[in-house]
Protein backbone atom coordinates (compact mmCIF):
# COMPACT_ATOMS: atom_id res chain seq x y z
CA UNK A 1 228.30 -105.30 -114.23
CA UNK A 2 231.38 -103.67 -115.72
CA UNK A 3 231.76 -101.66 -112.50
CA UNK A 4 231.46 -104.89 -110.52
CA UNK A 5 234.15 -106.55 -112.62
CA UNK A 6 236.47 -103.57 -112.13
CA UNK A 7 236.04 -103.75 -108.34
CA UNK A 8 236.78 -107.48 -108.30
CA UNK A 9 239.78 -107.08 -110.61
CA UNK A 10 241.27 -104.30 -108.46
CA UNK A 11 241.18 -106.60 -105.43
CA UNK A 12 242.38 -109.79 -107.11
CA UNK A 13 239.03 -111.54 -106.90
CA UNK A 14 237.75 -114.12 -109.38
CA UNK A 15 234.35 -115.43 -110.34
CA UNK A 16 235.05 -118.39 -108.01
CA UNK A 17 237.35 -118.03 -105.00
CA UNK A 18 238.76 -120.28 -102.31
CA UNK A 19 237.46 -119.83 -98.77
CA UNK A 20 240.48 -121.08 -96.81
CA UNK A 21 243.91 -119.51 -96.48
CA UNK A 22 246.98 -119.51 -94.24
CA UNK A 23 248.94 -117.12 -96.43
CA UNK A 24 248.69 -119.61 -99.27
CA UNK A 25 245.24 -120.42 -100.60
CA UNK A 26 243.83 -123.88 -99.92
CA UNK A 27 241.34 -125.47 -102.30
CA UNK A 28 238.75 -127.31 -100.18
CA UNK A 29 237.66 -130.56 -101.78
CA UNK A 30 234.58 -131.27 -99.67
CA UNK A 31 233.15 -127.82 -99.17
CA UNK A 32 230.03 -126.37 -100.72
CA UNK A 33 229.81 -123.14 -102.66
CA UNK A 34 228.45 -119.89 -101.25
CA UNK A 35 227.30 -117.28 -103.76
CA UNK A 36 227.65 -113.63 -102.83
CA UNK A 37 224.53 -111.72 -103.84
CA UNK A 38 224.31 -108.00 -104.53
CA UNK A 39 221.46 -106.84 -102.23
CA UNK A 40 220.81 -103.87 -104.52
CA UNK A 41 219.84 -106.07 -107.47
CA UNK A 42 219.45 -109.56 -106.05
CA UNK A 43 221.97 -110.77 -108.62
CA UNK A 44 225.06 -112.92 -107.92
CA UNK A 45 228.46 -111.21 -107.77
CA UNK A 46 230.88 -114.14 -107.41
CA UNK A 47 231.20 -117.34 -105.41
CA UNK A 48 233.48 -118.87 -102.78
CA UNK A 49 234.30 -122.55 -102.21
CA UNK A 50 233.64 -123.06 -98.51
CA UNK A 51 236.11 -124.59 -96.11
CA UNK A 52 235.40 -128.18 -95.15
CA UNK A 53 236.53 -129.96 -91.98
CA UNK A 54 239.89 -130.87 -93.51
CA UNK A 55 240.58 -127.30 -94.61
CA UNK A 56 239.60 -125.97 -91.17
CA UNK A 57 242.01 -128.40 -89.54
CA UNK A 58 244.83 -127.33 -91.86
CA UNK A 59 244.21 -123.64 -91.18
CA UNK A 60 244.03 -123.94 -87.39
CA UNK A 61 247.02 -126.26 -87.22
CA UNK A 62 249.07 -123.76 -89.21
CA UNK A 63 247.92 -120.87 -87.03
CA UNK A 64 248.79 -122.81 -83.87
CA UNK A 65 252.25 -123.71 -85.19
CA UNK A 66 252.97 -120.17 -86.40
CA UNK A 67 252.07 -118.75 -83.00
CA UNK A 68 255.24 -120.12 -81.38
CA UNK A 69 257.47 -118.10 -83.70
CA UNK A 70 255.20 -115.02 -83.92
CA UNK A 71 254.96 -114.57 -80.14
CA UNK A 72 258.76 -114.34 -79.87
CA UNK A 73 259.01 -111.46 -82.32
CA UNK A 74 259.31 -108.22 -80.31
CA UNK A 75 255.98 -106.43 -80.05
CA UNK A 76 257.23 -103.29 -81.88
CA UNK A 77 258.35 -105.54 -84.74
CA UNK A 78 254.89 -107.06 -84.84
CA UNK A 79 253.59 -103.50 -84.87
CA UNK A 80 255.65 -102.85 -88.00
CA UNK A 81 253.79 -105.70 -89.75
CA UNK A 82 250.48 -104.14 -88.74
CA UNK A 83 251.71 -100.73 -89.91
CA UNK A 84 252.39 -102.19 -93.35
CA UNK A 85 248.95 -103.79 -93.34
CA UNK A 86 247.46 -100.34 -92.74
CA UNK A 87 249.50 -98.91 -95.61
CA UNK A 88 248.30 -101.64 -97.96
CA UNK A 89 244.73 -100.86 -96.94
CA UNK A 90 245.33 -97.22 -97.79
CA UNK A 91 246.27 -98.25 -101.32
CA UNK A 92 243.00 -100.09 -101.86
CA UNK A 93 240.64 -97.96 -99.79
CA UNK A 94 238.54 -96.98 -102.80
CA UNK A 95 237.98 -100.44 -104.37
CA UNK A 96 237.64 -102.18 -101.00
CA UNK A 97 235.14 -99.58 -99.81
CA UNK A 98 233.20 -100.05 -103.04
CA UNK A 99 233.23 -103.82 -102.53
CA UNK A 100 231.82 -103.38 -99.01
CA UNK A 101 229.01 -101.30 -100.52
CA UNK A 102 228.47 -103.72 -103.40
CA UNK A 103 228.30 -106.83 -101.24
CA UNK A 104 226.69 -105.52 -98.04
CA UNK A 105 224.55 -102.63 -99.29
CA UNK A 106 225.64 -99.69 -97.11
CA UNK A 107 226.12 -96.40 -98.93
CA UNK A 108 229.53 -95.66 -100.41
CA UNK A 109 230.60 -93.10 -97.80
CA UNK A 110 229.94 -95.75 -95.14
CA UNK A 111 231.81 -98.39 -97.14
CA UNK A 112 234.81 -96.09 -97.45
CA UNK A 113 234.45 -95.17 -93.78
CA UNK A 114 234.62 -98.81 -92.81
CA UNK A 115 237.96 -99.23 -94.60
CA UNK A 116 239.18 -96.03 -92.95
CA UNK A 117 238.24 -97.59 -89.62
CA UNK A 118 240.51 -100.53 -90.46
CA UNK A 119 243.35 -98.13 -91.26
CA UNK A 120 242.75 -96.27 -88.00
CA UNK A 121 242.80 -99.54 -86.06
CA UNK A 122 246.15 -100.43 -87.60
CA UNK A 123 247.55 -97.03 -86.61
CA UNK A 124 246.21 -97.45 -83.08
CA UNK A 125 247.71 -100.93 -82.80
CA UNK A 126 251.12 -99.76 -84.00
CA UNK A 127 251.32 -97.32 -81.11
CA UNK A 128 249.98 -99.94 -78.75
CA UNK A 129 252.78 -102.33 -79.73
CA UNK A 130 255.15 -100.21 -77.60
CA UNK A 131 252.73 -99.92 -74.66
CA UNK A 132 251.72 -103.44 -73.59
CA UNK A 133 252.61 -102.44 -70.09
CA UNK A 134 252.13 -103.94 -66.64
CA UNK A 135 252.42 -102.16 -63.28
CA UNK A 136 255.07 -102.63 -60.62
CA UNK A 137 253.65 -103.16 -57.12
CA UNK A 138 255.32 -102.62 -53.77
CA UNK A 139 256.09 -105.91 -52.02
CA UNK A 140 255.62 -106.23 -48.26
CA UNK A 141 258.73 -108.42 -48.14
CA UNK A 142 262.19 -106.80 -48.05
CA UNK A 143 264.33 -107.04 -51.18
CA UNK A 144 261.47 -108.35 -53.27
CA UNK A 145 260.13 -106.87 -56.49
CA UNK A 146 256.62 -107.60 -57.71
CA UNK A 147 255.18 -106.71 -61.09
CA UNK A 148 252.68 -107.77 -63.75
CA UNK A 149 253.39 -108.71 -67.34
CA UNK A 150 251.25 -109.82 -70.25
CA UNK A 151 251.78 -112.78 -72.58
CA UNK A 152 250.10 -113.69 -75.89
CA UNK A 153 247.21 -116.15 -75.68
CA UNK A 154 247.61 -118.19 -78.86
CA UNK A 155 245.14 -118.57 -81.72
CA UNK A 156 242.26 -116.07 -81.66
CA UNK A 157 239.05 -117.04 -83.45
CA UNK A 158 237.15 -114.15 -85.06
CA UNK A 159 233.54 -114.69 -86.09
CA UNK A 160 232.20 -111.51 -87.69
CA UNK A 161 228.79 -110.39 -88.97
CA UNK A 162 227.63 -109.10 -92.35
CA UNK A 163 226.87 -105.52 -91.31
CA UNK A 164 230.52 -104.57 -90.73
CA UNK A 165 232.18 -107.15 -92.95
CA UNK A 166 235.75 -105.87 -92.53
CA UNK A 167 235.96 -103.27 -89.73
CA UNK A 168 235.09 -105.63 -86.87
CA UNK A 169 237.74 -108.07 -88.11
CA UNK A 170 240.31 -105.27 -87.83
CA UNK A 171 239.23 -104.43 -84.28
CA UNK A 172 240.29 -107.93 -83.32
CA UNK A 173 243.04 -108.70 -85.82
CA UNK A 174 245.12 -105.53 -85.36
CA UNK A 175 245.13 -105.90 -81.57
CA UNK A 176 245.64 -109.67 -81.59
CA UNK A 177 248.58 -109.32 -84.00
CA UNK A 178 250.54 -106.80 -81.94
CA UNK A 179 249.74 -108.79 -78.79
CA UNK A 180 251.51 -111.77 -80.37
CA UNK A 181 248.50 -113.90 -81.25
CA UNK A 182 247.73 -115.54 -84.56
CA UNK A 183 244.11 -115.59 -85.73
CA UNK A 184 241.54 -117.50 -87.73
CA UNK A 185 238.68 -115.51 -89.25
CA UNK A 186 235.22 -116.88 -90.03
CA UNK A 187 233.31 -114.07 -91.77
CA UNK A 188 229.60 -113.98 -92.51
CA UNK A 189 228.54 -116.15 -95.43
CA UNK A 190 226.55 -113.13 -96.66
CA UNK A 191 229.77 -111.15 -97.25
CA UNK A 192 232.51 -113.63 -98.18
CA UNK A 193 234.14 -111.58 -100.95
CA UNK A 194 235.23 -108.73 -98.69
CA UNK A 195 236.95 -111.32 -96.49
CA UNK A 196 238.79 -112.86 -99.43
CA UNK A 197 239.88 -109.38 -100.53
CA UNK A 198 241.24 -108.56 -97.06
CA UNK A 199 243.03 -111.91 -96.90
CA UNK A 200 244.73 -111.10 -100.20
CA UNK A 201 246.06 -107.91 -98.60
CA UNK A 202 247.24 -109.82 -95.53
CA UNK A 203 248.97 -112.35 -97.79
CA UNK A 204 250.90 -109.54 -99.49
CA UNK A 205 252.25 -108.30 -96.16
CA UNK A 206 253.04 -111.76 -94.81
CA UNK A 207 254.83 -112.82 -97.98
CA UNK A 208 256.95 -109.67 -97.92
CA UNK A 209 258.31 -110.70 -94.52
CA UNK A 210 258.48 -114.45 -95.02
CA UNK A 211 255.58 -115.04 -92.65
CA UNK A 212 252.65 -117.40 -92.87
CA UNK A 213 249.81 -118.46 -90.61
CA UNK A 214 249.45 -115.12 -88.80
CA UNK A 215 246.30 -113.90 -90.54
CA UNK A 216 244.16 -116.88 -91.59
CA UNK A 217 240.75 -117.35 -93.19
CA UNK A 218 238.07 -120.05 -93.11
CA UNK A 219 234.80 -119.24 -94.87
CA UNK A 220 232.17 -121.85 -94.19
CA UNK A 221 228.86 -122.67 -92.51
CA UNK A 222 228.54 -122.48 -88.76
CA UNK A 223 227.92 -126.21 -88.53
CA UNK A 224 231.32 -126.94 -90.10
CA UNK A 225 233.61 -124.02 -89.24
CA UNK A 226 231.88 -122.19 -86.41
CA UNK A 227 231.13 -125.21 -84.23
CA UNK A 228 234.66 -126.53 -84.60
CA UNK A 229 236.13 -123.16 -83.70
CA UNK A 230 234.11 -122.53 -80.55
CA UNK A 231 234.82 -126.06 -79.30
CA UNK A 232 238.50 -126.13 -80.30
CA UNK A 233 240.92 -126.15 -77.32
CA UNK A 234 243.63 -124.75 -79.64
CA UNK A 235 241.60 -121.52 -79.84
CA UNK A 236 241.75 -119.98 -76.33
CA UNK A 237 239.73 -116.90 -77.32
CA UNK A 238 236.76 -116.54 -79.67
CA UNK A 239 235.46 -113.10 -80.58
CA UNK A 240 231.86 -113.40 -81.77
CA UNK A 241 229.64 -110.73 -83.30
CA UNK A 242 226.04 -111.72 -83.95
CA UNK A 243 222.70 -112.47 -82.36
CA UNK A 244 222.14 -112.85 -78.64
CA UNK A 245 220.87 -116.40 -79.10
CA UNK A 246 223.94 -117.55 -80.97
CA UNK A 247 226.18 -115.57 -78.62
CA UNK A 248 224.78 -117.52 -75.69
CA UNK A 249 225.71 -120.76 -77.47
CA UNK A 250 229.23 -119.49 -78.21
CA UNK A 251 229.69 -118.39 -74.59
CA UNK A 252 228.56 -121.76 -73.22
CA UNK A 253 230.74 -123.74 -75.62
CA UNK A 254 233.85 -121.71 -74.82
CA UNK A 255 233.22 -121.68 -71.07
CA UNK A 256 232.70 -125.44 -71.05
CA UNK A 257 236.32 -125.91 -72.13
CA UNK A 258 237.55 -122.94 -70.01
CA UNK A 259 238.08 -120.82 -73.10
CA UNK A 260 237.39 -117.11 -73.32
CA UNK A 261 234.88 -115.26 -75.46
CA UNK A 262 234.30 -111.67 -76.53
CA UNK A 263 230.61 -111.22 -77.25
CA UNK A 264 229.22 -108.33 -79.31
CA UNK A 265 225.53 -109.17 -79.48
CA UNK A 266 222.17 -107.43 -79.86
CA UNK A 267 221.43 -103.77 -79.31
CA UNK A 268 218.16 -101.95 -78.66
CA UNK A 269 219.51 -98.45 -78.55
CA UNK A 270 217.69 -95.31 -77.51
CA UNK A 271 217.95 -91.54 -77.58
CA UNK A 272 216.26 -89.28 -75.01
CA UNK A 273 215.49 -85.72 -76.11
CA UNK A 274 214.98 -83.18 -73.32
CA UNK A 275 212.95 -79.97 -73.79
CA UNK A 276 216.10 -77.83 -73.62
CA UNK A 277 217.87 -79.80 -76.38
CA UNK A 278 219.16 -78.34 -79.62
CA UNK A 279 216.43 -79.88 -81.78
CA UNK A 280 218.25 -79.30 -85.08
CA UNK A 281 221.24 -81.21 -83.74
CA UNK A 282 219.02 -83.96 -82.35
CA UNK A 283 217.16 -84.34 -85.65
CA UNK A 284 220.35 -84.88 -87.63
CA UNK A 285 221.66 -87.41 -85.11
CA UNK A 286 218.36 -89.31 -85.05
CA UNK A 287 218.24 -89.55 -88.83
CA UNK A 288 221.70 -91.07 -89.22
CA UNK A 289 221.32 -93.38 -86.23
CA UNK A 290 217.92 -94.68 -87.35
CA UNK A 291 218.30 -94.74 -91.15
CA UNK A 292 222.06 -95.14 -91.68
CA UNK A 293 223.06 -98.60 -92.95
CA UNK A 294 219.29 -99.19 -93.38
CA UNK A 295 219.04 -99.76 -89.64
CA UNK A 296 221.45 -102.69 -89.77
CA UNK A 297 224.00 -101.52 -87.21
CA UNK A 298 224.12 -103.01 -83.75
CA UNK A 299 224.20 -99.35 -82.63
CA UNK A 300 221.26 -98.29 -84.82
CA UNK A 301 218.59 -96.22 -83.09
CA UNK A 302 215.54 -98.34 -82.26
CA UNK A 303 213.72 -96.29 -79.60
CA UNK A 304 213.29 -92.53 -79.37
CA UNK A 305 212.05 -90.92 -76.15
CA UNK A 306 210.74 -87.38 -76.68
CA UNK A 307 209.74 -85.02 -73.88
CA UNK A 308 206.04 -84.29 -74.18
CA UNK A 309 206.65 -80.56 -74.62
CA UNK A 310 208.56 -81.07 -77.88
CA UNK A 311 207.23 -84.47 -79.02
CA UNK A 312 204.68 -83.34 -81.63
CA UNK A 313 207.11 -80.86 -83.17
CA UNK A 314 209.90 -83.44 -83.41
CA UNK A 315 207.63 -86.14 -84.82
CA UNK A 316 206.41 -83.76 -87.53
CA UNK A 317 209.98 -82.82 -88.41
CA UNK A 318 211.04 -86.47 -88.47
CA UNK A 319 208.20 -87.49 -90.79
CA UNK A 320 209.12 -84.65 -93.14
CA UNK A 321 212.81 -85.61 -93.04
CA UNK A 322 212.03 -89.28 -93.67
CA UNK A 323 210.20 -88.21 -96.79
CA UNK A 324 213.42 -86.71 -98.15
CA UNK A 325 215.58 -89.81 -97.58
CA UNK A 326 216.93 -90.91 -100.95
CA UNK A 327 216.78 -94.69 -101.32
CA UNK A 328 218.51 -96.64 -104.08
CA UNK A 329 221.80 -98.02 -105.39
CA UNK A 330 224.25 -97.31 -102.57
CA UNK A 331 227.10 -96.89 -105.05
CA UNK A 332 225.32 -93.88 -106.58
CA UNK A 333 225.98 -90.35 -105.32
CA UNK A 334 223.26 -88.67 -103.29
CA UNK A 335 221.80 -91.92 -101.94
CA UNK A 336 221.31 -92.00 -98.16
CA UNK A 337 219.86 -95.49 -97.68
CA UNK A 338 220.59 -98.72 -99.50
CA UNK A 339 218.94 -102.14 -99.25
CA UNK A 340 218.62 -104.67 -96.48
CA UNK A 341 221.08 -107.51 -96.79
CA UNK A 342 218.78 -110.27 -98.05
CA UNK A 343 215.24 -111.61 -98.33
CA UNK A 344 215.36 -112.91 -94.75
CA UNK A 345 215.88 -109.36 -93.48
CA UNK A 346 212.80 -108.27 -95.46
CA UNK A 347 210.75 -110.98 -93.76
CA UNK A 348 211.96 -109.90 -90.32
CA UNK A 349 210.98 -106.29 -91.12
CA UNK A 350 207.51 -107.32 -92.24
CA UNK A 351 206.95 -109.66 -89.28
CA UNK A 352 207.91 -106.90 -86.85
CA UNK A 353 205.38 -104.52 -88.38
CA UNK A 354 202.64 -107.15 -88.14
CA UNK A 355 203.38 -107.33 -84.41
CA UNK A 356 203.38 -103.53 -84.19
CA UNK A 357 199.79 -103.48 -85.46
CA UNK A 358 198.75 -106.38 -83.22
CA UNK A 359 200.24 -104.67 -80.14
CA UNK A 360 198.65 -101.28 -80.73
CA UNK A 361 201.46 -99.29 -82.35
CA UNK A 362 200.68 -96.65 -84.97
CA UNK A 363 202.77 -96.65 -88.15
CA UNK A 364 202.95 -92.97 -89.09
CA UNK A 365 205.62 -93.18 -91.79
CA UNK A 366 206.82 -95.92 -94.15
CA UNK A 367 206.04 -99.52 -93.35
CA UNK A 368 206.26 -101.22 -96.75
CA UNK A 369 208.64 -103.05 -99.02
CA UNK A 370 209.66 -100.99 -102.03
CA UNK A 371 208.61 -102.51 -105.34
CA UNK A 372 211.92 -102.72 -107.18
CA UNK A 373 214.71 -105.29 -107.66
CA UNK A 374 216.80 -106.01 -104.58
CA UNK A 375 215.89 -105.87 -100.91
CA UNK A 376 214.60 -102.35 -100.29
CA UNK A 377 212.14 -101.18 -97.63
CA UNK A 378 210.77 -97.84 -96.50
CA UNK A 379 212.31 -96.38 -93.34
CA UNK A 380 209.51 -96.57 -90.80
CA UNK A 381 208.36 -94.55 -87.79
CA UNK A 382 206.03 -96.11 -85.22
CA UNK A 383 204.41 -94.00 -82.54
CA UNK A 384 203.67 -95.68 -79.22
CA UNK A 385 201.71 -94.68 -76.13
CA UNK A 386 203.79 -97.15 -74.13
CA UNK A 387 206.68 -99.53 -74.76
CA UNK A 388 205.19 -102.63 -76.39
CA UNK A 389 206.85 -106.09 -76.52
CA UNK A 390 208.09 -105.82 -80.12
CA UNK A 391 209.90 -102.59 -79.18
CA UNK A 392 211.87 -104.57 -76.62
CA UNK A 393 213.28 -106.84 -79.34
CA UNK A 394 215.93 -105.89 -81.87
CA UNK A 395 214.77 -105.93 -85.49
CA UNK A 396 217.68 -105.41 -87.86
CA UNK A 397 215.82 -102.95 -90.09
CA UNK A 398 214.98 -99.22 -90.19
CA UNK A 399 212.07 -99.23 -87.72
CA UNK A 400 212.02 -96.41 -85.15
CA UNK A 401 209.70 -96.56 -82.12
CA UNK A 402 208.77 -93.14 -80.71
CA UNK A 403 207.61 -92.72 -77.12
CA UNK A 404 206.72 -89.65 -75.05
CA UNK A 405 207.74 -88.90 -71.46
CA UNK A 406 207.34 -86.16 -68.86
CA UNK A 407 209.96 -87.09 -66.28
CA UNK A 408 213.62 -87.83 -67.10
CA UNK A 409 213.92 -90.42 -64.33
CA UNK A 410 210.95 -92.36 -65.65
CA UNK A 411 212.33 -92.18 -69.21
CA UNK A 412 215.65 -93.61 -68.00
CA UNK A 413 213.81 -96.41 -66.20
CA UNK A 414 211.93 -97.43 -69.36
CA UNK A 415 215.12 -96.96 -71.40
CA UNK A 416 216.91 -99.43 -69.12
CA UNK A 417 214.04 -101.94 -69.00
CA UNK A 418 215.07 -103.88 -72.13
CA UNK A 419 217.45 -106.83 -72.07
CA UNK A 420 220.05 -105.25 -74.35
CA UNK A 421 222.54 -102.60 -73.24
CA UNK A 422 224.79 -101.38 -76.03
CA UNK A 423 224.48 -97.70 -77.01
CA UNK A 424 222.47 -94.76 -75.68
CA UNK A 425 222.32 -90.98 -75.84
CA UNK A 426 220.62 -87.94 -74.37
CA UNK A 427 220.18 -84.56 -76.04
CA UNK A 428 220.11 -81.70 -73.58
CA UNK A 429 221.64 -78.32 -72.75
CA UNK A 430 221.36 -79.04 -69.04
CA UNK A 431 224.43 -80.18 -67.15
CA UNK A 432 222.08 -81.72 -64.59
CA UNK A 433 220.31 -83.88 -67.19
CA UNK A 434 223.55 -84.87 -68.89
CA UNK A 435 225.26 -85.87 -65.67
CA UNK A 436 222.18 -87.73 -64.44
CA UNK A 437 222.10 -89.75 -67.67
CA UNK A 438 225.79 -90.65 -67.23
CA UNK A 439 225.54 -91.37 -63.48
CA UNK A 440 225.02 -94.66 -61.65
CA UNK A 441 221.25 -94.12 -61.90
CA UNK A 442 221.44 -93.28 -65.61
CA UNK A 443 222.00 -95.33 -68.75
CA UNK A 444 222.94 -98.97 -68.15
CA UNK A 445 224.58 -99.31 -71.57
CA UNK A 446 228.22 -99.86 -72.42
CA UNK A 447 228.14 -96.64 -74.47
CA UNK A 448 226.46 -93.46 -73.23
CA UNK A 449 226.61 -90.20 -75.20
CA UNK A 450 225.53 -86.62 -74.72
CA UNK A 451 224.44 -84.61 -77.76
CA UNK A 452 225.62 -87.18 -80.29
CA UNK A 453 223.75 -90.20 -81.64
CA UNK A 454 224.04 -93.88 -80.84
CA UNK A 455 225.96 -94.79 -84.03
CA UNK A 456 229.46 -93.93 -85.16
CA UNK A 457 231.74 -94.78 -82.21
CA UNK A 458 235.41 -93.84 -82.46
CA UNK A 459 238.00 -96.61 -82.28
CA UNK A 460 239.87 -94.96 -79.38
CA UNK A 461 237.22 -96.05 -76.89
CA UNK A 462 236.44 -99.63 -75.92
CA UNK A 463 233.36 -100.81 -77.84
CA UNK A 464 230.76 -103.12 -76.32
CA UNK A 465 227.69 -103.40 -74.15
CA UNK A 466 226.12 -104.93 -71.08
CA UNK A 467 223.34 -107.41 -70.26
CA UNK A 468 222.36 -109.48 -73.32
CA UNK A 469 224.70 -107.44 -75.49
CA UNK A 470 227.36 -109.73 -74.06
CA UNK A 471 229.71 -107.60 -71.98
CA UNK A 472 232.61 -107.84 -74.43
CA UNK A 473 234.93 -104.97 -75.34
CA UNK A 474 236.87 -104.46 -78.55
CA UNK A 475 238.91 -101.73 -80.31
CA UNK A 476 240.33 -98.99 -78.08
CA UNK A 477 241.20 -98.19 -74.48
CA UNK A 478 242.55 -101.31 -72.72
CA UNK A 479 240.59 -103.84 -74.82
CA UNK A 480 244.01 -105.28 -75.80
CA UNK A 481 244.20 -107.04 -72.42
CA UNK A 482 241.54 -109.52 -73.52
CA UNK A 483 243.92 -110.88 -76.16
CA UNK A 484 246.65 -111.62 -73.61
CA UNK A 485 247.11 -113.50 -70.36
CA UNK A 486 248.13 -111.72 -67.18
CA UNK A 487 251.05 -112.96 -65.12
CA UNK A 488 252.07 -111.72 -61.66
CA UNK A 489 255.82 -112.04 -61.05
CA UNK A 490 257.76 -111.73 -57.79
CA UNK A 491 261.56 -111.66 -57.66
CA UNK A 492 263.43 -112.25 -54.42
CA UNK A 493 266.86 -110.64 -54.58
CA UNK A 494 267.73 -111.30 -50.93
CA UNK A 495 269.31 -114.34 -49.23
CA UNK A 496 266.34 -114.74 -46.88
CA UNK A 497 262.94 -116.28 -47.55
CA UNK A 498 260.31 -114.20 -45.70
CA UNK A 499 256.71 -115.27 -46.26
CA UNK A 500 253.82 -112.93 -46.94
CA UNK A 501 251.29 -112.03 -44.21
CA UNK A 502 253.95 -112.75 -41.57
CA UNK A 503 253.53 -116.51 -41.88
CA UNK A 504 256.28 -118.51 -40.17
CA UNK A 505 257.31 -121.93 -41.41
CA UNK A 506 260.74 -122.67 -39.98
CA UNK A 507 262.09 -126.21 -40.21
CA UNK A 508 264.96 -127.18 -37.87
């Protein structure tokens, strides 16, 4: 507990915290209290007073008002604010990374890596602030110039999940800020303390520059905060990370009012291992993708397709490797897997394994809850003769389904047969196999890798998936365009008025 207190003290957290902020903290009068629980012990860490309807209204109104001034600040100047945010994150990388581990349960190197991802996103956005470019097109009309430019949207709503309690916020917030948008963040109620800690850092930067209402926070239940946000016409864009079912609801609510949504939903990710693959490399990638974060990444490995010629060897090596996975307090050195996030995740794990047995799967490793405080389970390997229904669903837990194949084309077909389409990979030394996997007839996922696993994407590429994964893109490449509105401009610098397509409309 003394370590917990030190982490909270380093980040300006109290035993009870407010869950609404516009730069200055608001004390909700009608909100409930959410208690953050340490998944390693099952014990409470601290609590947050949730935003009520009145607090939500105050936060969004402030964000909407602040947008009009923020959008007029030159983009490179906005980039300077984001640069300072990145520098402040550097100062608290250690305690914030430890808080991520304490509250969410991922191992410390992953907690620290998540904060580093935030820092990297800030650096990326700073450079982007000088590159919000639009092309110039050649007009068919003489003495006309035609070009595109991009304008800020307004208030961006960010609804993030527990498994990446701070990094996914930064994917959206860093880009939205340099694009000229203000934002309102609704984090997961399972990880409210990391959000309060990040808001404290944002407040420091905003106060230094006399700003308010740029980075805003509303912690509260979906029925109070979430529903208002997705139906709020003052929020033209909502970025949602979560389940496919809830993502469908968010999409429909936003579309009904002609709003936009970025959807980062379920994954059912797979790796294919060809007979010519480097099996040592594949084994290491499989282990991290399947066991890292206790299988609670949207990019976690769920299905493993092994060529029949190497299947028995790889399964034996995997079972042996699973036996060496150290499970325990994720803040301790040498631990490779921490707990699931809560008791509900344990129930989902156990229900999935009941279905595995009912549908003919063979559990060859793991398969049980670990008898100790907290929410720990054994990483589990299930061997299948064919893809069963439960393997087509995403269970947010360390369950790996292993299938065997003889033909790469057939393996790709089964790989693509699920409703999700986020991350995928093939391990091979063959240029033919690699290119086939990346071709039009290959993986139908938003992310396709060769000789690396499904987890651990770099921020320089756009992140997101297809089908029921939602189709959204965040982080790198040209994902910034989602946070802006496109405008086509034509300037006539002649004294004539020619019409396009040769249309004539002369009035005598």
